[in-house]
Amino acid sequence: MKKITLLLGAAVSVAVLSLSVSSCGSTQMKGAGNYTYETECIGVEGDGSQTVKGWGSGRNREDAVEQAKKNGLRDVLFKGVISNKGCNGKPVLFDPNIREKKEDYFNAFFADAGPYTEFITGEDGSDMHFSVVAGRKKAGDQVTYGVIIRVQRAKLKARMIQDGIMPK
């Protein structure tokens, strides 16, 4: 009788353990689309441009890819990027409040089809092609995509000086 009770107890423990392990796995998959991805540097070109992987979310693929391009450039400009390939991880603009101080300028700069498009190209150098990173994530009605873009850092810095956003 003692053996049956011991075996029954062990069987219940195994069942509870396997249920908790399987439920943990499904929770992770559902939350994957809610994860915040960081822009990271993939490489540097001889002209000072940086190839970065940026992430964006949107209602559909087109919106998410457009947002990823903006996020990649925005991070190079204001925040800096994760630097692990000899990249300059520092932001172009060091003033932490510049985005708020020049809000009207940057709202127009990052508008759809705005001036920001002059400073990014696809990883192959073309203006039209952007490498979309495989493995999109979905959370509710939002999808997240990553894109690989080349940010013309020197050209961007020159424009910020020309427009009076940063000193020479």
N, C-alpha and C. Protein backbone atom coordinates (compact mmCIF):
# COMPACT_ATOMS: atom_id res chain seq x y z
N MET A 1 0.82 -1.19 0.00
CA MET A 1 0.00 0.00 0.00
C MET A 1 0.87 1.26 0.00
N LYS A 2 1.97 1.16 0.80
CA LYS A 2 2.88 2.29 0.86
C LYS A 2 3.52 2.56 -0.51
N LYS A 3 3.85 1.49 -1.25
CA LYS A 3 4.46 1.64 -2.57
C LYS A 3 3.49 2.27 -3.55
N ILE A 4 2.23 1.89 -3.50
CA ILE A 4 1.22 2.44 -4.41
C ILE A 4 1.05 3.94 -4.14
N THR A 5 0.99 4.32 -2.89
CA THR A 5 0.85 5.73 -2.53
C THR A 5 2.07 6.52 -3.00
N LEU A 6 3.25 5.95 -2.80
CA LEU A 6 4.48 6.60 -3.23
C LEU A 6 4.52 6.75 -4.75
N LEU A 7 4.14 5.71 -5.50
CA LEU A 7 4.11 5.77 -6.95
C LEU A 7 3.07 6.76 -7.46
N LEU A 8 1.91 6.76 -6.82
CA LEU A 8 0.85 7.69 -7.21
C LEU A 8 1.30 9.14 -6.96
N GLY A 9 1.95 9.38 -5.85
CA GLY A 9 2.47 10.72 -5.53
C GLY A 9 3.51 11.16 -6.54
N ALA A 10 4.40 10.24 -6.93
CA ALA A 10 5.43 10.56 -7.92
C ALA A 10 4.80 10.86 -9.28
N ALA A 11 3.78 10.11 -9.66
CA ALA A 11 3.10 10.33 -10.94
C ALA A 11 2.42 11.69 -10.97
N VAL A 12 1.78 12.07 -9.88
CA VAL A 12 1.13 13.38 -9.81
C VAL A 12 2.18 14.48 -9.90
N SER A 13 3.31 14.32 -9.24
CA SER A 13 4.38 15.32 -9.28
C SER A 13 4.92 15.49 -10.70
N VAL A 14 5.11 14.39 -11.41
CA VAL A 14 5.60 14.45 -12.78
C VAL A 14 4.57 15.15 -13.67
N ALA A 15 3.30 14.87 -13.48
CA ALA A 15 2.24 15.49 -14.28
C ALA A 15 2.20 17.00 -14.04
N VAL A 16 2.29 17.42 -12.79
CA VAL A 16 2.26 18.85 -12.45
C VAL A 16 3.50 19.54 -13.03
N LEU A 17 4.65 18.91 -12.91
CA LEU A 17 5.88 19.48 -13.44
C LEU A 17 5.82 19.64 -14.96
N SER A 18 5.33 18.64 -15.67
CA SER A 18 5.26 18.73 -17.13
C SER A 18 4.23 19.77 -17.57
N LEU A 19 3.13 19.92 -16.84
CA LEU A 19 2.15 20.96 -17.17
C LEU A 19 2.75 22.35 -16.97
N SER A 20 3.48 22.56 -15.89
CA SER A 20 4.06 23.88 -15.66
C SER A 20 5.15 24.19 -16.67
N VAL A 21 5.92 23.22 -17.09
CA VAL A 21 6.96 23.46 -18.10
C VAL A 21 6.31 23.79 -19.44
N SER A 22 5.29 23.08 -19.84
CA SER A 22 4.66 23.34 -21.13
C SER A 22 3.94 24.68 -21.14
N SER A 23 3.37 25.10 -20.02
CA SER A 23 2.68 26.39 -20.00
C SER A 23 3.68 27.54 -20.05
N CYS A 24 4.88 27.35 -19.49
CA CYS A 24 5.91 28.39 -19.57
C CYS A 24 6.32 28.62 -21.02
N GLY A 25 6.47 27.59 -21.78
CA GLY A 25 6.87 27.71 -23.18
C GLY A 25 5.87 28.50 -23.99
N SER A 26 4.58 28.26 -23.80
CA SER A 26 3.58 28.97 -24.60
C SER A 26 3.49 30.43 -24.20
N THR A 27 3.74 30.76 -22.94
CA THR A 27 3.72 32.14 -22.51
C THR A 27 4.83 32.93 -23.18
N GLN A 28 5.99 32.35 -23.30
CA GLN A 28 7.10 33.04 -23.95
C GLN A 28 6.78 33.34 -25.41
N MET A 29 6.20 32.42 -26.11
CA MET A 29 5.91 32.63 -27.52
C MET A 29 4.89 33.75 -27.71
N LYS A 30 3.90 33.84 -26.84
CA LYS A 30 2.89 34.88 -26.98
C LYS A 30 3.47 36.26 -26.71
N GLY A 31 4.46 36.36 -25.83
CA GLY A 31 5.03 37.64 -25.47
C GLY A 31 6.16 38.09 -26.37
N ALA A 32 6.58 37.28 -27.31
CA ALA A 32 7.75 37.61 -28.13
C ALA A 32 7.55 38.90 -28.91
N GLY A 33 6.35 39.18 -29.37
CA GLY A 33 6.10 40.39 -30.15
C GLY A 33 6.12 41.64 -29.31
N ASN A 34 6.02 41.51 -27.98
CA ASN A 34 6.03 42.67 -27.10
C ASN A 34 7.43 43.05 -26.65
N TYR A 35 8.42 42.30 -27.02
CA TYR A 35 9.80 42.56 -26.62
C TYR A 35 10.30 43.81 -27.33
N THR A 36 11.08 44.63 -26.64
CA THR A 36 11.66 45.82 -27.23
C THR A 36 13.04 45.47 -27.76
N TYR A 37 13.24 45.60 -29.04
CA TYR A 37 14.51 45.28 -29.67
C TYR A 37 15.37 46.53 -29.74
N GLU A 38 16.65 46.37 -29.56
CA GLU A 38 17.61 47.48 -29.63
C GLU A 38 18.25 47.53 -31.01
N THR A 39 18.50 48.72 -31.50
CA THR A 39 19.23 48.89 -32.75
C THR A 39 20.68 48.51 -32.50
N GLU A 40 21.24 47.70 -33.40
CA GLU A 40 22.63 47.30 -33.23
C GLU A 40 23.42 47.54 -34.50
N CYS A 41 24.69 47.84 -34.31
CA CYS A 41 25.58 48.10 -35.43
C CYS A 41 26.10 46.78 -35.97
N ILE A 42 26.08 46.64 -37.28
CA ILE A 42 26.56 45.42 -37.93
C ILE A 42 27.93 45.64 -38.54
N GLY A 43 28.23 46.87 -38.96
CA GLY A 43 29.53 47.14 -39.57
C GLY A 43 29.71 48.60 -39.92
N VAL A 44 30.93 48.94 -40.29
CA VAL A 44 31.27 50.31 -40.67
C VAL A 44 31.89 50.28 -42.06
N GLU A 45 31.55 51.25 -42.87
CA GLU A 45 32.11 51.38 -44.21
C GLU A 45 33.25 52.40 -44.20
N GLY A 46 34.03 52.43 -45.24
CA GLY A 46 35.16 53.34 -45.35
C GLY A 46 34.76 54.81 -45.37
N ASP A 47 33.54 55.11 -45.81
CA ASP A 47 33.08 56.49 -45.87
C ASP A 47 32.48 56.97 -44.55
N GLY A 48 32.55 56.15 -43.51
CA GLY A 48 32.01 56.54 -42.20
C GLY A 48 30.57 56.14 -41.99
N SER A 49 29.94 55.56 -42.99
CA SER A 49 28.56 55.13 -42.81
C SER A 49 28.53 53.87 -41.96
N GLN A 50 27.42 53.67 -41.29
CA GLN A 50 27.24 52.50 -40.43
C GLN A 50 26.11 51.65 -40.95
N THR A 51 26.32 50.35 -40.96
CA THR A 51 25.24 49.42 -41.29
C THR A 51 24.65 48.97 -39.97
N VAL A 52 23.36 49.21 -39.79
CA VAL A 52 22.69 48.88 -38.53
C VAL A 52 21.45 48.04 -38.78
N LYS A 53 21.07 47.30 -37.76
CA LYS A 53 19.82 46.56 -37.79
C LYS A 53 18.85 47.29 -36.86
N GLY A 54 17.79 47.85 -37.44
CA GLY A 54 16.78 48.57 -36.68
C GLY A 54 15.48 47.78 -36.66
N TRP A 55 14.67 48.01 -35.66
CA TRP A 55 13.41 47.29 -35.48
C TRP A 55 12.25 48.27 -35.41
N GLY A 56 11.10 47.84 -35.93
CA GLY A 56 9.91 48.67 -35.88
C GLY A 56 8.65 47.84 -35.84
N SER A 57 7.61 48.41 -35.27
CA SER A 57 6.31 47.76 -35.18
C SER A 57 5.27 48.59 -35.92
N GLY A 58 4.26 47.91 -36.43
CA GLY A 58 3.20 48.61 -37.14
C GLY A 58 2.02 47.69 -37.39
N ARG A 59 0.99 48.25 -38.03
CA ARG A 59 -0.22 47.47 -38.33
C ARG A 59 0.05 46.37 -39.34
N ASN A 60 0.99 46.64 -40.24
CA ASN A 60 1.31 45.67 -41.29
C ASN A 60 2.80 45.76 -41.61
N ARG A 61 3.23 44.95 -42.55
CA ARG A 61 4.66 44.88 -42.89
C ARG A 61 5.20 46.24 -43.33
N GLU A 62 4.48 46.90 -44.20
CA GLU A 62 4.94 48.19 -44.73
C GLU A 62 5.14 49.22 -43.62
N ASP A 63 4.18 49.34 -42.70
CA ASP A 63 4.30 50.29 -41.59
C ASP A 63 5.45 49.92 -40.67
N ALA A 64 5.59 48.63 -40.37
CA ALA A 64 6.65 48.18 -39.46
C ALA A 64 8.04 48.42 -40.06
N VAL A 65 8.20 48.16 -41.35
CA VAL A 65 9.49 48.37 -42.01
C VAL A 65 9.83 49.86 -42.05
N GLU A 66 8.85 50.70 -42.36
CA GLU A 66 9.09 52.15 -42.38
C GLU A 66 9.48 52.64 -40.99
N GLN A 67 8.81 52.14 -39.96
CA GLN A 67 9.13 52.52 -38.58
C GLN A 67 10.52 52.03 -38.20
N ALA A 68 10.91 50.85 -38.65
CA ALA A 68 12.24 50.31 -38.35
C ALA A 68 13.33 51.20 -38.95
N LYS A 69 13.12 51.70 -40.16
CA LYS A 69 14.09 52.61 -40.78
C LYS A 69 14.25 53.87 -39.93
N LYS A 70 13.13 54.45 -39.53
CA LYS A 70 13.16 55.66 -38.70
C LYS A 70 13.84 55.39 -37.37
N ASN A 71 13.51 54.25 -36.76
CA ASN A 71 14.10 53.92 -35.46
C ASN A 71 15.60 53.73 -35.55
N GLY A 72 16.07 53.08 -36.62
CA GLY A 72 17.50 52.89 -36.81
C GLY A 72 18.23 54.22 -36.92
N LEU A 73 17.71 55.12 -37.75
CA LEU A 73 18.33 56.44 -37.91
C LEU A 73 18.21 57.25 -36.62
N ARG A 74 17.06 57.21 -35.99
CA ARG A 74 16.84 57.95 -34.74
C ARG A 74 17.84 57.53 -33.67
N ASP A 75 18.08 56.22 -33.56
CA ASP A 75 19.02 55.75 -32.54
C ASP A 75 20.45 56.21 -32.84
N VAL A 76 20.86 56.20 -34.10
CA VAL A 76 22.19 56.70 -34.46
C VAL A 76 22.28 58.19 -34.14
N LEU A 77 21.21 58.92 -34.38
CA LEU A 77 21.20 60.36 -34.18
C LEU A 77 21.17 60.77 -32.71
N PHE A 78 20.28 60.17 -31.91
CA PHE A 78 20.04 60.63 -30.54
C PHE A 78 20.59 59.73 -29.43
N LYS A 79 20.56 58.45 -29.64
CA LYS A 79 20.79 57.51 -28.55
C LYS A 79 22.14 56.78 -28.65
N GLY A 80 22.59 56.54 -29.84
CA GLY A 80 23.76 55.69 -30.05
C GLY A 80 23.28 54.27 -30.24
N VAL A 81 24.16 53.41 -30.72
CA VAL A 81 23.78 52.03 -31.01
C VAL A 81 24.70 51.07 -30.29
N ILE A 82 24.22 49.86 -30.11
CA ILE A 82 25.03 48.81 -29.52
C ILE A 82 26.21 48.59 -30.45
N SER A 83 27.40 48.79 -29.94
CA SER A 83 28.60 48.75 -30.78
C SER A 83 29.42 47.52 -30.46
N ASN A 84 29.45 46.58 -31.41
CA ASN A 84 30.24 45.38 -31.20
C ASN A 84 31.08 45.03 -32.43
N LYS A 85 31.08 45.84 -33.44
CA LYS A 85 31.81 45.56 -34.68
C LYS A 85 32.72 46.72 -35.06
N GLY A 86 33.28 47.40 -34.08
CA GLY A 86 34.15 48.54 -34.37
C GLY A 86 33.39 49.78 -34.76
N CYS A 87 32.11 49.80 -34.49
CA CYS A 87 31.27 50.95 -34.85
C CYS A 87 31.44 52.07 -33.84
N ASN A 88 31.10 53.27 -34.27
CA ASN A 88 31.04 54.39 -33.37
C ASN A 88 29.67 54.32 -32.69
N GLY A 89 29.64 53.87 -31.46
CA GLY A 89 28.38 53.68 -30.76
C GLY A 89 27.78 54.96 -30.20
N LYS A 90 28.54 56.07 -30.29
CA LYS A 90 28.06 57.35 -29.73
C LYS A 90 27.02 57.96 -30.65
N PRO A 91 26.08 58.70 -30.07
CA PRO A 91 25.09 59.38 -30.92
C PRO A 91 25.72 60.56 -31.66
N VAL A 92 25.12 60.96 -32.75
CA VAL A 92 25.59 62.13 -33.50
C VAL A 92 25.36 63.39 -32.69
N LEU A 93 24.19 63.48 -32.06
CA LEU A 93 23.85 64.64 -31.23
C LEU A 93 23.97 64.26 -29.76
N PHE A 94 24.81 64.97 -29.02
CA PHE A 94 25.07 64.62 -27.63
C PHE A 94 24.10 65.27 -26.64
N ASP A 95 23.44 66.34 -27.03
CA ASP A 95 22.50 67.01 -26.12
C ASP A 95 21.32 66.09 -25.86
N PRO A 96 21.13 65.66 -24.61
CA PRO A 96 20.06 64.70 -24.32
C PRO A 96 18.64 65.24 -24.55
N ASN A 97 18.49 66.56 -24.58
CA ASN A 97 17.15 67.15 -24.74
C ASN A 97 16.95 67.79 -26.11
N ILE A 98 17.84 67.52 -27.04
CA ILE A 98 17.75 68.18 -28.35
C ILE A 98 16.46 67.82 -29.09
N ARG A 99 16.00 66.60 -28.92
CA ARG A 99 14.75 66.18 -29.60
C ARG A 99 13.58 67.03 -29.12
N GLU A 100 13.53 67.33 -27.83
CA GLU A 100 12.44 68.15 -27.29
C GLU A 100 12.64 69.64 -27.63
N LYS A 101 13.89 70.10 -27.58
CA LYS A 101 14.18 71.51 -27.86
C LYS A 101 13.85 71.87 -29.31
N LYS A 102 14.12 70.97 -30.22
CA LYS A 102 13.90 71.20 -31.66
C LYS A 102 12.79 70.28 -32.18
N GLU A 103 11.73 70.17 -31.42
CA GLU A 103 10.64 69.24 -31.73
C GLU A 103 10.05 69.46 -33.12
N ASP A 104 9.78 70.70 -33.48
CA ASP A 104 9.18 70.99 -34.79
C ASP A 104 10.10 70.53 -35.92
N TYR A 105 11.39 70.81 -35.78
CA TYR A 105 12.36 70.42 -36.80
C TYR A 105 12.36 68.90 -36.96
N PHE A 106 12.46 68.15 -35.85
CA PHE A 106 12.58 66.70 -35.94
C PHE A 106 11.26 66.02 -36.31
N ASN A 107 10.13 66.62 -35.97
CA ASN A 107 8.85 66.07 -36.44
C ASN A 107 8.78 66.13 -37.96
N ALA A 108 9.21 67.24 -38.53
CA ALA A 108 9.23 67.37 -39.99
C ALA A 108 10.32 66.47 -40.60
N PHE A 109 11.45 66.35 -39.94
CA PHE A 109 12.56 65.54 -40.42
C PHE A 109 12.17 64.07 -40.53
N PHE A 110 11.43 63.56 -39.53
CA PHE A 110 11.06 62.14 -39.51
C PHE A 110 9.65 61.87 -40.06
N ALA A 111 9.04 62.85 -40.71
CA ALA A 111 7.73 62.63 -41.32
C ALA A 111 7.85 61.57 -42.42
N ASP A 112 6.74 60.91 -42.73
CA ASP A 112 6.77 59.92 -43.81
C ASP A 112 7.30 60.58 -45.08
N ALA A 113 8.29 59.95 -45.70
CA ALA A 113 8.96 60.45 -46.91
C ALA A 113 9.63 61.80 -46.65
N GLY A 114 10.00 62.04 -45.39
CA GLY A 114 10.67 63.29 -45.01
C GLY A 114 12.16 63.26 -45.32
N PRO A 115 12.87 64.29 -44.88
CA PRO A 115 14.30 64.40 -45.17
C PRO A 115 15.15 63.25 -44.62
N TYR A 116 14.66 62.53 -43.64
CA TYR A 116 15.44 61.43 -43.07
C TYR A 116 15.82 60.39 -44.14
N THR A 117 15.03 60.27 -45.19
CA THR A 117 15.29 59.27 -46.22
C THR A 117 16.58 59.54 -46.99
N GLU A 118 17.08 60.80 -46.94
CA GLU A 118 18.33 61.14 -47.63
C GLU A 118 19.54 60.47 -46.97
N PHE A 119 19.39 60.03 -45.72
CA PHE A 119 20.54 59.57 -44.94
C PHE A 119 20.56 58.07 -44.71
N ILE A 120 19.62 57.36 -45.31
CA ILE A 120 19.61 55.89 -45.18
C ILE A 120 19.51 55.25 -46.56
N THR A 121 20.16 54.14 -46.70
CA THR A 121 20.05 53.34 -47.92
C THR A 121 19.97 51.89 -47.49
N GLY A 122 19.58 51.04 -48.42
CA GLY A 122 19.56 49.61 -48.14
C GLY A 122 20.98 49.10 -47.99
N GLU A 123 21.12 47.89 -47.46
CA GLU A 123 22.46 47.36 -47.22
C GLU A 123 23.25 47.17 -48.52
N ASP A 124 22.54 47.10 -49.65
CA ASP A 124 23.25 46.94 -50.93
C ASP A 124 23.58 48.29 -51.57
N GLY A 125 23.27 49.39 -50.86
CA GLY A 125 23.58 50.72 -51.36
C GLY A 125 22.46 51.38 -52.13
N SER A 126 21.41 50.64 -52.47
CA SER A 126 20.32 51.24 -53.23
C SER A 126 19.39 52.02 -52.31
N ASP A 127 18.65 52.93 -52.90
CA ASP A 127 17.70 53.70 -52.12
C ASP A 127 16.37 52.95 -51.94
N MET A 128 16.13 51.95 -52.76
CA MET A 128 14.82 51.32 -52.75
C MET A 128 14.77 50.00 -51.98
N HIS A 129 15.90 49.33 -51.83
CA HIS A 129 15.87 47.99 -51.23
C HIS A 129 16.38 48.04 -49.79
N PHE A 130 15.64 47.45 -48.90
CA PHE A 130 16.04 47.31 -47.52
C PHE A 130 15.90 45.85 -47.15
N SER A 131 16.92 45.29 -46.56
CA SER A 131 16.87 43.87 -46.19
C SER A 131 16.02 43.71 -44.96
N VAL A 132 14.92 43.02 -45.10
CA VAL A 132 14.04 42.76 -43.97
C VAL A 132 14.55 41.50 -43.29
N VAL A 133 14.78 41.62 -42.00
CA VAL A 133 15.33 40.51 -41.22
C VAL A 133 14.26 39.44 -41.08
N ALA A 134 14.65 38.20 -41.30
CA ALA A 134 13.71 37.09 -41.18
C ALA A 134 13.22 36.96 -39.75
N GLY A 135 12.04 36.45 -39.59
CA GLY A 135 11.50 36.17 -38.27
C GLY A 135 10.73 37.32 -37.68
N ARG A 136 9.65 37.68 -38.28
CA ARG A 136 8.83 38.74 -37.73
C ARG A 136 8.15 38.24 -36.45
N LYS A 137 7.74 39.15 -35.63
CA LYS A 137 7.05 38.83 -34.38
C LYS A 137 5.68 39.50 -34.43
N LYS A 138 4.72 38.89 -33.81
CA LYS A 138 3.38 39.45 -33.81
C LYS A 138 2.87 39.54 -32.38
N ALA A 139 2.29 40.67 -32.03
CA ALA A 139 1.68 40.87 -30.72
C ALA A 139 0.35 41.58 -30.93
N GLY A 140 -0.74 40.88 -30.70
CA GLY A 140 -2.05 41.47 -30.92
C GLY A 140 -2.21 41.82 -32.38
N ASP A 141 -2.51 43.09 -32.67
CA ASP A 141 -2.66 43.51 -34.05
C ASP A 141 -1.42 44.21 -34.59
N GLN A 142 -0.30 44.14 -33.87
CA GLN A 142 0.96 44.75 -34.29
C GLN A 142 1.94 43.67 -34.75
N VAL A 143 2.70 43.98 -35.79
CA VAL A 143 3.78 43.10 -36.23
C VAL A 143 5.10 43.86 -36.07
N THR A 144 6.16 43.13 -35.80
CA THR A 144 7.48 43.72 -35.63
C THR A 144 8.42 43.14 -36.67
N TYR A 145 9.12 44.02 -37.36
CA TYR A 145 10.10 43.61 -38.36
C TYR A 145 11.42 44.32 -38.08
N GLY A 146 12.48 43.67 -38.49
CA GLY A 146 13.79 44.29 -38.43
C GLY A 146 14.28 44.54 -39.84
N VAL A 147 15.01 45.63 -40.02
CA VAL A 147 15.59 45.93 -41.33
C VAL A 147 17.06 46.26 -41.16
N ILE A 148 17.83 45.95 -42.18
CA ILE A 148 19.24 46.30 -42.19
C ILE A 148 19.40 47.48 -43.13
N ILE A 149 19.89 48.58 -42.58
CA ILE A 149 20.04 49.81 -43.35
C ILE A 149 21.47 50.35 -43.18
N ARG A 150 21.87 51.18 -44.12
CA ARG A 150 23.14 51.88 -44.00
C ARG A 150 22.81 53.34 -43.71
N VAL A 151 23.36 53.85 -42.60
CA VAL A 151 23.13 55.23 -42.19
C VAL A 151 24.35 56.05 -42.58
N GLN A 152 24.14 57.08 -43.37
CA GLN A 152 25.21 57.97 -43.81
C GLN A 152 25.53 58.94 -42.67
N ARG A 153 26.32 58.49 -41.72
CA ARG A 153 26.59 59.24 -40.49
C ARG A 153 27.27 60.59 -40.76
N ALA A 154 28.28 60.63 -41.61
CA ALA A 154 28.99 61.87 -41.90
C ALA A 154 28.06 62.88 -42.58
N LYS A 155 27.28 62.42 -43.51
CA LYS A 155 26.32 63.27 -44.23
C LYS A 155 25.25 63.80 -43.25
N LEU A 156 24.82 62.94 -42.34
CA LEU A 156 23.83 63.32 -41.33
C LEU A 156 24.39 64.40 -40.41
N LYS A 157 25.62 64.22 -39.99
CA LYS A 157 26.27 65.20 -39.10
C LYS A 157 26.41 66.55 -39.82
N ALA A 158 26.82 66.52 -41.10
CA ALA A 158 26.96 67.75 -41.88
C ALA A 158 25.62 68.48 -41.99
N ARG A 159 24.54 67.72 -42.17
CA ARG A 159 23.20 68.33 -42.27
C ARG A 159 22.79 68.97 -40.95
N MET A 160 23.11 68.32 -39.83
CA MET A 160 22.75 68.87 -38.52
C MET A 160 23.52 70.17 -38.27
N ILE A 161 24.77 70.25 -38.73
CA ILE A 161 25.56 71.48 -38.60
C ILE A 161 24.99 72.56 -39.52
N GLN A 162 24.68 72.19 -40.77
CA GLN A 162 24.12 73.14 -41.74
C GLN A 162 22.81 73.73 -41.26
N ASP A 163 21.95 72.90 -40.65
CA ASP A 163 20.65 73.36 -40.20
C ASP A 163 20.70 74.03 -38.82
N GLY A 164 21.90 74.15 -38.23
CA GLY A 164 22.05 74.83 -36.94
C GLY A 164 21.59 73.99 -35.75
N ILE A 165 21.46 72.71 -35.91
CA ILE A 165 21.03 71.83 -34.82
C ILE A 165 22.20 71.54 -33.89
N MET A 166 23.40 71.40 -34.46
CA MET A 166 24.59 71.18 -33.63
C MET A 166 25.68 72.15 -34.05
N PRO A 167 26.55 72.53 -33.11
CA PRO A 167 27.64 73.46 -33.45
C PRO A 167 28.72 72.77 -34.26
N LYS A 168 29.53 73.56 -34.95
CA LYS A 168 30.62 73.01 -35.75
C LYS A 168 31.67 72.35 -34.90
